[in-house]
């Protein structure tokens, strides 16, 4: 998906985003991106095994995607390139409609 129209359609259809690699540290990009997406009306569910059980921007942090138990429209991955493939596999297994790297 590369056209602006396709990306716009994807984002208009998306309501629930899961963020793998979400951080509770304000200096990390995922922290700001999560707040921005929430300000635009998206529900963003954070996933980070290092801070499972904590909260980021009011949302409970899950250990892994398989724990979420609700429909995921888009998985936003904030992981190093070497770990991105595994995160994509988790997104597919969870039934996510799309993945954003």
PDB file of N, CA and C in Angstrom:
ATOM      1  N   UNK A   1       0.859  -1.167   0.000  1.00  0.00           N
ATOM      2  CA  UNK A   1       0.000   0.000   0.000  1.00  0.00           C
ATOM      3  C   UNK A   1       0.905   1.228   0.000  1.00  0.00           C
ATOM      4  N   UNK A   2       0.814   2.008  -1.065  1.00  0.00           N
ATOM      5  CA  UNK A   2       1.692   3.167  -1.152  1.00  0.00           C
ATOM      6  C   UNK A   2       0.982   4.469  -1.506  1.00  0.00           C
ATOM      7  N   UNK A   3      -0.214   4.369  -2.050  1.00  0.00           N
ATOM      8  CA  UNK A   3      -0.872   5.616  -2.451  1.00  0.00           C
ATOM      9  C   UNK A   3      -1.495   6.317  -1.247  1.00  0.00           C
ATOM     10  N   UNK A   4      -1.539   7.623  -1.322  1.00  0.00           N
ATOM     11  CA  UNK A   4      -2.150   8.403  -0.252  1.00  0.00           C
ATOM     12  C   UNK A   4      -3.610   8.010  -0.040  1.00  0.00           C
ATOM     13  N   UNK A   5      -4.303   7.701  -1.128  1.00  0.00           N
ATOM     14  CA  UNK A   5      -5.722   7.323  -1.026  1.00  0.00           C
ATOM     15  C   UNK A   5      -5.891   6.015  -0.259  1.00  0.00           C
ATOM     16  N   UNK A   6      -5.022   5.043  -0.556  1.00  0.00           N
ATOM     17  CA  UNK A   6      -5.104   3.756   0.150  1.00  0.00           C
ATOM     18  C   UNK A   6      -4.802   3.911   1.637  1.00  0.00           C
ATOM     19  N   UNK A   7      -3.781   4.695   1.949  1.00  0.00           N
ATOM     20  CA  UNK A   7      -3.416   4.918   3.350  1.00  0.00           C
ATOM     21  C   UNK A   7      -4.534   5.655   4.073  1.00  0.00           C
ATOM     22  N   UNK A   8      -5.124   6.641   3.421  1.00  0.00           N
ATOM     23  CA  UNK A   8      -6.239   7.380   4.019  1.00  0.00           C
ATOM     24  C   UNK A   8      -7.413   6.442   4.313  1.00  0.00           C
ATOM     25  N   UNK A   9      -7.747   5.579   3.348  1.00  0.00           N
ATOM     26  CA  UNK A   9      -8.856   4.631   3.538  1.00  0.00           C
ATOM     27  C   UNK A   9      -8.564   3.689   4.707  1.00  0.00           C
ATOM     28  N   UNK A  10      -7.330   3.200   4.787  1.00  0.00           N
ATOM     29  CA  UNK A  10      -6.954   2.317   5.890  1.00  0.00           C
ATOM     30  C   UNK A  10      -7.157   3.001   7.231  1.00  0.00           C
ATOM     31  N   UNK A  11      -6.668   4.222   7.352  1.00  0.00           N
ATOM     32  CA  UNK A  11      -6.758   4.938   8.628  1.00  0.00           C
ATOM     33  C   UNK A  11      -8.190   5.339   8.965  1.00  0.00           C
ATOM     34  N   UNK A  12      -9.025   5.576   7.960  1.00  0.00           N
ATOM     35  CA  UNK A  12     -10.428   5.889   8.219  1.00  0.00           C
ATOM     36  C   UNK A  12     -11.203   4.671   8.698  1.00  0.00           C
ATOM     37  N   UNK A  13     -10.790   3.481   8.268  1.00  0.00           N
ATOM     38  CA  UNK A  13     -11.463   2.243   8.666  1.00  0.00           C
ATOM     39  C   UNK A  13     -10.945   1.713  10.009  1.00  0.00           C
ATOM     40  N   UNK A  14      -9.809   2.190  10.430  1.00  0.00           N
ATOM     41  CA  UNK A  14      -9.170   1.704  11.657  1.00  0.00           C
ATOM     42  C   UNK A  14      -9.755   2.397  12.885  1.00  0.00           C
ATOM     43  N   UNK A  15     -10.053   1.623  13.901  1.00  0.00           N
ATOM     44  CA  UNK A  15     -10.524   2.151  15.184  1.00  0.00           C
ATOM     45  C   UNK A  15      -9.609   1.712  16.323  1.00  0.00           C
ATOM     46  N   UNK A  16      -9.154   0.444  16.280  1.00  0.00           N
ATOM     47  CA  UNK A  16      -8.341  -0.103  17.363  1.00  0.00           C
ATOM     48  C   UNK A  16      -6.947  -0.440  16.842  1.00  0.00           C
ATOM     49  N   UNK A  17      -5.961   0.146  17.485  1.00  0.00           N
ATOM     50  CA  UNK A  17      -4.562  -0.064  17.126  1.00  0.00           C
ATOM     51  C   UNK A  17      -3.857  -0.702  18.310  1.00  0.00           C
ATOM     52  N   UNK A  18      -3.071  -1.715  18.037  1.00  0.00           N
ATOM     53  CA  UNK A  18      -2.223  -2.298  19.060  1.00  0.00           C
ATOM     54  C   UNK A  18      -0.796  -1.860  18.765  1.00  0.00           C
ATOM     55  N   UNK A  19      -0.111  -1.360  19.768  1.00  0.00           N
ATOM     56  CA  UNK A  19       1.245  -0.857  19.581  1.00  0.00           C
ATOM     57  C   UNK A  19       2.241  -1.786  20.273  1.00  0.00           C
ATOM     58  N   UNK A  20       2.965  -2.569  19.458  1.00  0.00           N
ATOM     59  CA  UNK A  20       4.006  -3.440  19.992  1.00  0.00           C
ATOM     60  C   UNK A  20       5.259  -2.599  20.204  1.00  0.00           C
ATOM     61  N   UNK A  21       5.785  -2.646  21.403  1.00  0.00           N
ATOM     62  CA  UNK A  21       6.958  -1.849  21.736  1.00  0.00           C
ATOM     63  C   UNK A  21       6.601  -0.490  22.303  1.00  0.00           C
ATOM     64  N   UNK A  22       5.363  -0.346  22.746  1.00  0.00           N
ATOM     65  CA  UNK A  22       4.945   0.911  23.374  1.00  0.00           C
ATOM     66  C   UNK A  22       5.814   1.166  24.599  1.00  0.00           C
ATOM     67  N   UNK A  23       6.132   2.420  24.833  1.00  0.00           N
ATOM     68  CA  UNK A  23       6.993   2.776  25.958  1.00  0.00           C
ATOM     69  C   UNK A  23       6.284   3.736  26.904  1.00  0.00           C
ATOM     70  N   UNK A  24       6.630   3.629  28.178  1.00  0.00           N
ATOM     71  CA  UNK A  24       6.118   4.566  29.176  1.00  0.00           C
ATOM     72  C   UNK A  24       7.094   5.720  29.399  1.00  0.00           C
ATOM     73  N   UNK A  25       8.120   5.781  28.578  1.00  0.00           N
ATOM     74  CA  UNK A  25       9.129   6.837  28.696  1.00  0.00           C
ATOM     75  C   UNK A  25       8.821   7.971  27.710  1.00  0.00           C
ATOM     76  N   UNK A  26       8.589   9.173  28.207  1.00  0.00           N
ATOM     77  CA  UNK A  26       8.222  10.298  27.332  1.00  0.00           C
ATOM     78  C   UNK A  26       9.253  10.634  26.254  1.00  0.00           C
ATOM     79  N   UNK A  27      10.495  10.217  26.416  1.00  0.00           N
ATOM     80  CA  UNK A  27      11.517  10.509  25.414  1.00  0.00           C
ATOM     81  C   UNK A  27      11.530   9.510  24.254  1.00  0.00           C
ATOM     82  N   UNK A  28      10.692   8.482  24.305  1.00  0.00           N
ATOM     83  CA  UNK A  28      10.642   7.473  23.245  1.00  0.00           C
ATOM     84  C   UNK A  28       9.575   7.841  22.221  1.00  0.00           C
ATOM     85  N   UNK A  29       9.848   7.623  20.928  1.00  0.00           N
ATOM     86  CA  UNK A  29       8.872   7.973  19.889  1.00  0.00           C
ATOM     87  C   UNK A  29       7.499   7.318  20.077  1.00  0.00           C
ATOM     88  N   UNK A  30       7.471   6.061  20.512  1.00  0.00           N
ATOM     89  CA  UNK A  30       6.184   5.380  20.655  1.00  0.00           C
ATOM     90  C   UNK A  30       5.281   6.061  21.674  1.00  0.00           C
ATOM     91  N   UNK A  31       5.852   6.662  22.687  1.00  0.00           N
ATOM     92  CA  UNK A  31       5.074   7.359  23.709  1.00  0.00           C
ATOM     93  C   UNK A  31       4.293   8.517  23.090  1.00  0.00           C
ATOM     94  N   UNK A  32       4.976   9.332  22.312  1.00  0.00           N
ATOM     95  CA  UNK A  32       4.325  10.465  21.660  1.00  0.00           C
ATOM     96  C   UNK A  32       3.355  10.049  20.573  1.00  0.00           C
ATOM     97  N   UNK A  33       3.722   9.025  19.807  1.00  0.00           N
ATOM     98  CA  UNK A  33       2.836   8.547  18.745  1.00  0.00           C
ATOM     99  C   UNK A  33       1.545   8.006  19.339  1.00  0.00           C
ATOM    100  N   UNK A  34       1.649   7.267  20.437  1.00  0.00           N
ATOM    101  CA  UNK A  34       0.449   6.733  21.082  1.00  0.00           C
ATOM    102  C   UNK A  34      -0.470   7.863  21.524  1.00  0.00           C
ATOM    103  N   UNK A  35       0.088   8.887  22.158  1.00  0.00           N
ATOM    104  CA  UNK A  35      -0.729  10.026  22.604  1.00  0.00           C
ATOM    105  C   UNK A  35      -1.377  10.725  21.414  1.00  0.00           C
ATOM    106  N   UNK A  36      -0.634  10.885  20.330  1.00  0.00           N
ATOM    107  CA  UNK A  36      -1.177  11.536  19.137  1.00  0.00           C
ATOM    108  C   UNK A  36      -2.339  10.730  18.559  1.00  0.00           C
ATOM    109  N   UNK A  37      -2.149   9.428  18.413  1.00  0.00           N
ATOM    110  CA  UNK A  37      -3.220   8.583  17.861  1.00  0.00           C
ATOM    111  C   UNK A  37      -4.474   8.634  18.740  1.00  0.00           C
ATOM    112  N   UNK A  38      -4.281   8.604  20.056  1.00  0.00           N
ATOM    113  CA  UNK A  38      -5.427   8.713  20.963  1.00  0.00           C
ATOM    114  C   UNK A  38      -6.130  10.059  20.786  1.00  0.00           C
ATOM    115  N   UNK A  39      -5.366  11.115  20.587  1.00  0.00           N
ATOM    116  CA  UNK A  39      -5.970  12.442  20.412  1.00  0.00           C
ATOM    117  C   UNK A  39      -6.776  12.539  19.130  1.00  0.00           C
ATOM    118  N   UNK A  40      -6.528  11.617  18.209  1.00  0.00           N
ATOM    119  CA  UNK A  40      -7.259  11.573  16.940  1.00  0.00           C
ATOM    120  C   UNK A  40      -8.414  10.573  16.976  1.00  0.00           C
ATOM    121  N   UNK A  41      -8.692  10.017  18.158  1.00  0.00           N
ATOM    122  CA  UNK A  41      -9.862   9.162  18.328  1.00  0.00           C
ATOM    123  C   UNK A  41      -9.623   7.673  18.230  1.00  0.00           C
ATOM    124  N   UNK A  42      -8.393   7.254  18.055  1.00  0.00           N
ATOM    125  CA  UNK A  42      -8.101   5.823  17.990  1.00  0.00           C
ATOM    126  C   UNK A  42      -7.945   5.262  19.397  1.00  0.00           C
ATOM    127  N   UNK A  43      -8.348   4.022  19.559  1.00  0.00           N
ATOM    128  CA  UNK A  43      -8.022   3.295  20.791  1.00  0.00           C
ATOM    129  C   UNK A  43      -6.697   2.622  20.530  1.00  0.00           C
ATOM    130  N   UNK A  44      -5.715   2.868  21.379  1.00  0.00           N
ATOM    131  CA  UNK A  44      -4.380   2.293  21.214  1.00  0.00           C
ATOM    132  C   UNK A  44      -4.088   1.419  22.423  1.00  0.00           C
ATOM    133  N   UNK A  45      -3.851   0.147  22.159  1.00  0.00           N
ATOM    134  CA  UNK A  45      -3.584  -0.826  23.209  1.00  0.00           C
ATOM    135  C   UNK A  45      -2.088  -1.139  23.195  1.00  0.00           C
ATOM    136  N   UNK A  46      -1.377  -0.802  24.269  1.00  0.00           N
ATOM    137  CA  UNK A  46       0.065  -1.025  24.294  1.00  0.00           C
ATOM    138  C   UNK A  46       0.445  -2.474  24.627  1.00  0.00           C
ATOM    139  N   UNK A  47       1.523  -2.930  23.981  1.00  0.00           N
ATOM    140  CA  UNK A  47       2.084  -4.253  24.239  1.00  0.00           C
ATOM    141  C   UNK A  47       3.580  -4.085  24.491  1.00  0.00           C
ATOM    142  N   UNK A  48       4.021  -4.537  25.678  1.00  0.00           N
ATOM    143  CA  UNK A  48       5.435  -4.483  26.021  1.00  0.00           C
ATOM    144  C   UNK A  48       5.670  -5.422  27.201  1.00  0.00           C
ATOM    145  N   UNK A  49       6.341  -6.550  26.976  1.00  0.00           N
ATOM    146  CA  UNK A  49       6.533  -7.511  28.066  1.00  0.00           C
ATOM    147  C   UNK A  49       7.343  -6.972  29.243  1.00  0.00           C
ATOM    148  N   UNK A  50       8.128  -5.934  29.031  1.00  0.00           N
ATOM    149  CA  UNK A  50       8.948  -5.392  30.116  1.00  0.00           C
ATOM    150  C   UNK A  50       8.139  -4.574  31.120  1.00  0.00           C
ATOM    151  N   UNK A  51       6.972  -4.084  30.700  1.00  0.00           N
ATOM    152  CA  UNK A  51       6.153  -3.264  31.612  1.00  0.00           C
ATOM    153  C   UNK A  51       4.706  -3.763  31.669  1.00  0.00           C
ATOM    154  N   UNK A  52       4.518  -5.055  31.462  1.00  0.00           N
ATOM    155  CA  UNK A  52       3.188  -5.661  31.526  1.00  0.00           C
ATOM    156  C   UNK A  52       2.501  -5.306  32.839  1.00  0.00           C
ATOM    157  N   UNK A  53       1.230  -4.961  32.737  1.00  0.00           N
ATOM    158  CA  UNK A  53       0.453  -4.636  33.923  1.00  0.00           C
ATOM    159  C   UNK A  53       0.461  -3.164  34.283  1.00  0.00           C
ATOM    160  N   UNK A  54       1.381  -2.412  33.720  1.00  0.00           N
ATOM    161  CA  UNK A  54       1.412  -0.966  33.935  1.00  0.00           C
ATOM    162  C   UNK A  54       0.375  -0.311  33.019  1.00  0.00           C
ATOM    163  N   UNK A  55       0.318   0.995  33.018  1.00  0.00           N
ATOM    164  CA  UNK A  55      -0.580   1.740  32.137  1.00  0.00           C
ATOM    165  C   UNK A  55       0.202   2.822  31.403  1.00  0.00           C
ATOM    166  N   UNK A  56      -0.125   3.004  30.135  1.00  0.00           N
ATOM    167  CA  UNK A  56       0.427   4.092  29.337  1.00  0.00           C
ATOM    168  C   UNK A  56      -0.756   4.875  28.786  1.00  0.00           C
ATOM    169  N   UNK A  57      -0.777   6.160  29.040  1.00  0.00           N
ATOM    170  CA  UNK A  57      -1.875   7.024  28.576  1.00  0.00           C
ATOM    171  C   UNK A  57      -3.245   6.416  28.899  1.00  0.00           C
ATOM    172  N   UNK A  58      -3.349   5.814  30.074  1.00  0.00           N
ATOM    173  CA  UNK A  58      -4.622   5.278  30.540  1.00  0.00           C
ATOM    174  C   UNK A  58      -4.964   3.881  30.053  1.00  0.00           C
ATOM    175  N   UNK A  59      -4.107   3.264  29.259  1.00  0.00           N
ATOM    176  CA  UNK A  59      -4.373   1.918  28.730  1.00  0.00           C
ATOM    177  C   UNK A  59      -3.468   0.891  29.396  1.00  0.00           C
ATOM    178  N   UNK A  60      -4.053  -0.244  29.765  1.00  0.00           N
ATOM    179  CA  UNK A  60      -3.321  -1.369  30.352  1.00  0.00           C
ATOM    180  C   UNK A  60      -2.311  -1.908  29.351  1.00  0.00           C
ATOM    181  N   UNK A  61      -1.108  -2.210  29.812  1.00  0.00           N
ATOM    182  CA  UNK A  61      -0.057  -2.754  28.947  1.00  0.00           C
ATOM    183  C   UNK A  61      -0.095  -4.285  28.999  1.00  0.00           C
ATOM    184  N   UNK A  62      -0.256  -4.900  27.826  1.00  0.00           N
ATOM    185  CA  UNK A  62      -0.282  -6.354  27.712  1.00  0.00           C
ATOM    186  C   UNK A  62       1.109  -6.892  27.405  1.00  0.00           C
ATOM    187  N   UNK A  63       1.306  -8.152  27.736  1.00  0.00           N
ATOM    188  CA  UNK A  63       2.575  -8.834  27.483  1.00  0.00           C
ATOM    189  C   UNK A  63       2.729  -9.167  26.004  1.00  0.00           C
ATOM    190  N   UNK A  64       1.631  -9.650  25.389  1.00  0.00           N
ATOM    191  CA  UNK A  64       1.677 -10.064  23.985  1.00  0.00           C
ATOM    192  C   UNK A  64       0.306  -9.895  23.346  1.00  0.00           C
ATOM    193  N   UNK A  65       0.291  -9.868  22.038  1.00  0.00           N
ATOM    194  CA  UNK A  65      -0.965  -9.642  21.307  1.00  0.00           C
ATOM    195  C   UNK A  65      -2.022 -10.686  21.626  1.00  0.00           C
ATOM    196  N   UNK A  66      -1.616 -11.928  21.796  1.00  0.00           N
ATOM    197  CA  UNK A  66      -2.587 -13.005  22.015  1.00  0.00           C
ATOM    198  C   UNK A  66      -3.405 -12.817  23.286  1.00  0.00           C
ATOM    199  N   UNK A  67      -2.977 -11.966  24.197  1.00  0.00           N
ATOM    200  CA  UNK A  67      -3.707 -11.729  25.446  1.00  0.00           C
ATOM    201  C   UNK A  67      -4.852 -10.736  25.289  1.00  0.00           C
ATOM    202  N   UNK A  68      -4.878 -10.000  24.224  1.00  0.00           N
ATOM    203  CA  UNK A  68      -5.801  -8.874  24.122  1.00  0.00           C
ATOM    204  C   UNK A  68      -7.256  -9.315  24.016  1.00  0.00           C
ATOM    205  N   UNK A  69      -7.564 -10.279  23.201  1.00  0.00           N
ATOM    206  CA  UNK A  69      -8.908 -10.837  23.164  1.00  0.00           C
ATOM    207  C   UNK A  69      -9.983  -9.949  22.558  1.00  0.00           C
ATOM    208  N   UNK A  70      -9.605  -8.985  21.753  1.00  0.00           N
ATOM    209  CA  UNK A  70     -10.596  -8.195  21.027  1.00  0.00           C
ATOM    210  C   UNK A  70     -10.063  -7.900  19.638  1.00  0.00           C
ATOM    211  N   UNK A  71     -10.948  -7.431  18.780  1.00  0.00           N
ATOM    212  CA  UNK A  71     -10.600  -7.176  17.386  1.00  0.00           C
ATOM    213  C   UNK A  71      -9.512  -6.106  17.282  1.00  0.00           C
ATOM    214  N   UNK A  72      -8.495  -6.405  16.476  1.00  0.00           N
ATOM    215  CA  UNK A  72      -7.399  -5.475  16.240  1.00  0.00           C
ATOM    216  C   UNK A  72      -7.440  -5.067  14.771  1.00  0.00           C
ATOM    217  N   UNK A  73      -7.571  -3.770  14.534  1.00  0.00           N
ATOM    218  CA  UNK A  73      -7.584  -3.295  13.156  1.00  0.00           C
ATOM    219  C   UNK A  73      -6.174  -3.143  12.599  1.00  0.00           C
ATOM    220  N   UNK A  74      -5.272  -2.595  13.408  1.00  0.00           N
ATOM    221  CA  UNK A  74      -3.928  -2.304  12.927  1.00  0.00           C
ATOM    222  C   UNK A  74      -2.927  -2.556  14.049  1.00  0.00           C
ATOM    223  N   UNK A  75      -1.796  -3.150  13.700  1.00  0.00           N
ATOM    224  CA  UNK A  75      -0.711  -3.330  14.654  1.00  0.00           C
ATOM    225  C   UNK A  75       0.410  -2.389  14.234  1.00  0.00           C
ATOM    226  N   UNK A  76       0.776  -1.494  15.122  1.00  0.00           N
ATOM    227  CA  UNK A  76       1.849  -0.529  14.904  1.00  0.00           C
ATOM    228  C   UNK A  76       3.077  -1.058  15.647  1.00  0.00           C
ATOM    229  N   UNK A  77       4.172  -1.293  14.912  1.00  0.00           N
ATOM    230  CA  UNK A  77       5.334  -1.961  15.493  1.00  0.00           C
ATOM    231  C   UNK A  77       6.472  -0.977  15.719  1.00  0.00           C
ATOM    232  N   UNK A  78       6.849  -0.856  16.986  1.00  0.00           N
ATOM    233  CA  UNK A  78       8.003  -0.060  17.391  1.00  0.00           C
ATOM    234  C   UNK A  78       9.043  -1.018  17.970  1.00  0.00           C
ATOM    235  N   UNK A  79       9.668  -1.764  17.106  1.00  0.00           N
ATOM    236  CA  UNK A  79      10.704  -2.728  17.504  1.00  0.00           C
ATOM    237  C   UNK A  79      11.886  -2.581  16.564  1.00  0.00           C
ATOM    238  N   UNK A  80      13.022  -3.061  16.995  1.00  0.00           N
ATOM    239  CA  UNK A  80      14.202  -3.068  16.133  1.00  0.00           C
ATOM    240  C   UNK A  80      13.927  -3.944  14.913  1.00  0.00           C
ATOM    241  N   UNK A  81      14.552  -3.634  13.787  1.00  0.00           N
ATOM    242  CA  UNK A  81      14.305  -4.410  12.566  1.00  0.00           C
ATOM    243  C   UNK A  81      14.474  -5.916  12.739  1.00  0.00           C
ATOM    244  N   UNK A  82      15.415  -6.335  13.553  1.00  0.00           N
ATOM    245  CA  UNK A  82      15.646  -7.763  13.742  1.00  0.00           C
ATOM    246  C   UNK A  82      14.450  -8.458  14.406  1.00  0.00           C
ATOM    247  N   UNK A  83      13.656  -7.722  15.176  1.00  0.00           N
ATOM    248  CA  UNK A  83      12.503  -8.289  15.874  1.00  0.00           C
ATOM    249  C   UNK A  83      11.186  -8.024  15.144  1.00  0.00           C
ATOM    250  N   UNK A  84      11.225  -7.251  14.090  1.00  0.00           N
ATOM    251  CA  UNK A  84       9.990  -6.867  13.390  1.00  0.00           C
ATOM    252  C   UNK A  84       9.283  -8.064  12.765  1.00  0.00           C
ATOM    253  N   UNK A  85      10.035  -8.991  12.212  1.00  0.00           N
ATOM    254  CA  UNK A  85       9.419 -10.161  11.586  1.00  0.00           C
ATOM    255  C   UNK A  85       8.577 -10.966  12.557  1.00  0.00           C
ATOM    256  N   UNK A  86       9.093 -11.172  13.743  1.00  0.00           N
ATOM    257  CA  UNK A  86       8.352 -11.896  14.783  1.00  0.00           C
ATOM    258  C   UNK A  86       7.072 -11.139  15.156  1.00  0.00           C
ATOM    259  N   UNK A  87       7.165  -9.818  15.238  1.00  0.00           N
ATOM    260  CA  UNK A  87       5.996  -9.001  15.572  1.00  0.00           C
ATOM    261  C   UNK A  87       4.944  -9.091  14.467  1.00  0.00           C
ATOM    262  N   UNK A  88       5.374  -9.125  13.220  1.00  0.00           N
ATOM    263  CA  UNK A  88       4.430  -9.285  12.101  1.00  0.00           C
ATOM    264  C   UNK A  88       3.748 -10.639  12.198  1.00  0.00           C
ATOM    265  N   UNK A  89       4.501 -11.677  12.497  1.00  0.00           N
ATOM    266  CA  UNK A  89       3.907 -13.012  12.669  1.00  0.00           C
ATOM    267  C   UNK A  89       2.857 -13.010  13.773  1.00  0.00           C
ATOM    268  N   UNK A  90       3.124 -12.322  14.878  1.00  0.00           N
ATOM    269  CA  UNK A  90       2.154 -12.224  15.976  1.00  0.00           C
ATOM    270  C   UNK A  90       0.894 -11.494  15.512  1.00  0.00           C
ATOM    271  N   UNK A  91       1.076 -10.454  14.718  1.00  0.00           N
ATOM    272  CA  UNK A  91      -0.066  -9.687  14.206  1.00  0.00           C
ATOM    273  C   UNK A  91      -0.944 -10.565  13.321  1.00  0.00           C
ATOM    274  N   UNK A  92      -0.331 -11.346  12.463  1.00  0.00           N
ATOM    275  CA  UNK A  92      -1.082 -12.250  11.586  1.00  0.00           C
ATOM    276  C   UNK A  92      -1.833 -13.277  12.426  1.00  0.00           C
ATOM    277  N   UNK A  93      -1.155 -13.873  13.403  1.00  0.00           N
ATOM    278  CA  UNK A  93      -1.782 -14.876  14.266  1.00  0.00           C
ATOM    279  C   UNK A  93      -2.951 -14.294  15.055  1.00  0.00           C
ATOM    280  N   UNK A  94      -2.863 -13.009  15.406  1.00  0.00           N
ATOM    281  CA  UNK A  94      -3.930 -12.357  16.173  1.00  0.00           C
ATOM    282  C   UNK A  94      -5.093 -11.915  15.281  1.00  0.00           C
ATOM    283  N   UNK A  95      -4.937 -12.037  13.976  1.00  0.00           N
ATOM    284  CA  UNK A  95      -6.021 -11.667  13.066  1.00  0.00           C
ATOM    285  C   UNK A  95      -6.095 -10.178  12.766  1.00  0.00           C
ATOM    286  N   UNK A  96      -4.994  -9.475  12.961  1.00  0.00           N
ATOM    287  CA  UNK A  96      -4.982  -8.037  12.664  1.00  0.00           C
ATOM    288  C   UNK A  96      -5.228  -7.811  11.172  1.00  0.00           C
ATOM    289  N   UNK A  97      -5.951  -6.753  10.851  1.00  0.00           N
ATOM    290  CA  UNK A  97      -6.248  -6.432   9.459  1.00  0.00           C
ATOM    291  C   UNK A  97      -5.045  -5.852   8.729  1.00  0.00           C
ATOM    292  N   UNK A  98      -4.176  -5.151   9.471  1.00  0.00           N
ATOM    293  CA  UNK A  98      -3.020  -4.513   8.842  1.00  0.00           C
ATOM    294  C   UNK A  98      -1.890  -4.328   9.843  1.00  0.00           C
ATOM    295  N   UNK A  99      -0.696  -4.065   9.295  1.00  0.00           N
ATOM    296  CA  UNK A  99       0.500  -3.844  10.100  1.00  0.00           C
ATOM    297  C   UNK A  99       1.181  -2.586   9.598  1.00  0.00           C
ATOM    298  N   UNK A 100       1.677  -1.773  10.529  1.00  0.00           N
ATOM    299  CA  UNK A 100       2.389  -0.537  10.195  1.00  0.00           C
ATOM    300  C   UNK A 100       3.762  -0.626  10.839  1.00  0.00           C
ATOM    301  N   UNK A 101       4.800  -0.438  10.029  1.00  0.00           N
ATOM    302  CA  UNK A 101       6.178  -0.481  10.541  1.00  0.00           C
ATOM    303  C   UNK A 101       6.795   0.901  10.467  1.00  0.00           C
TER     304      UNK A 101
END
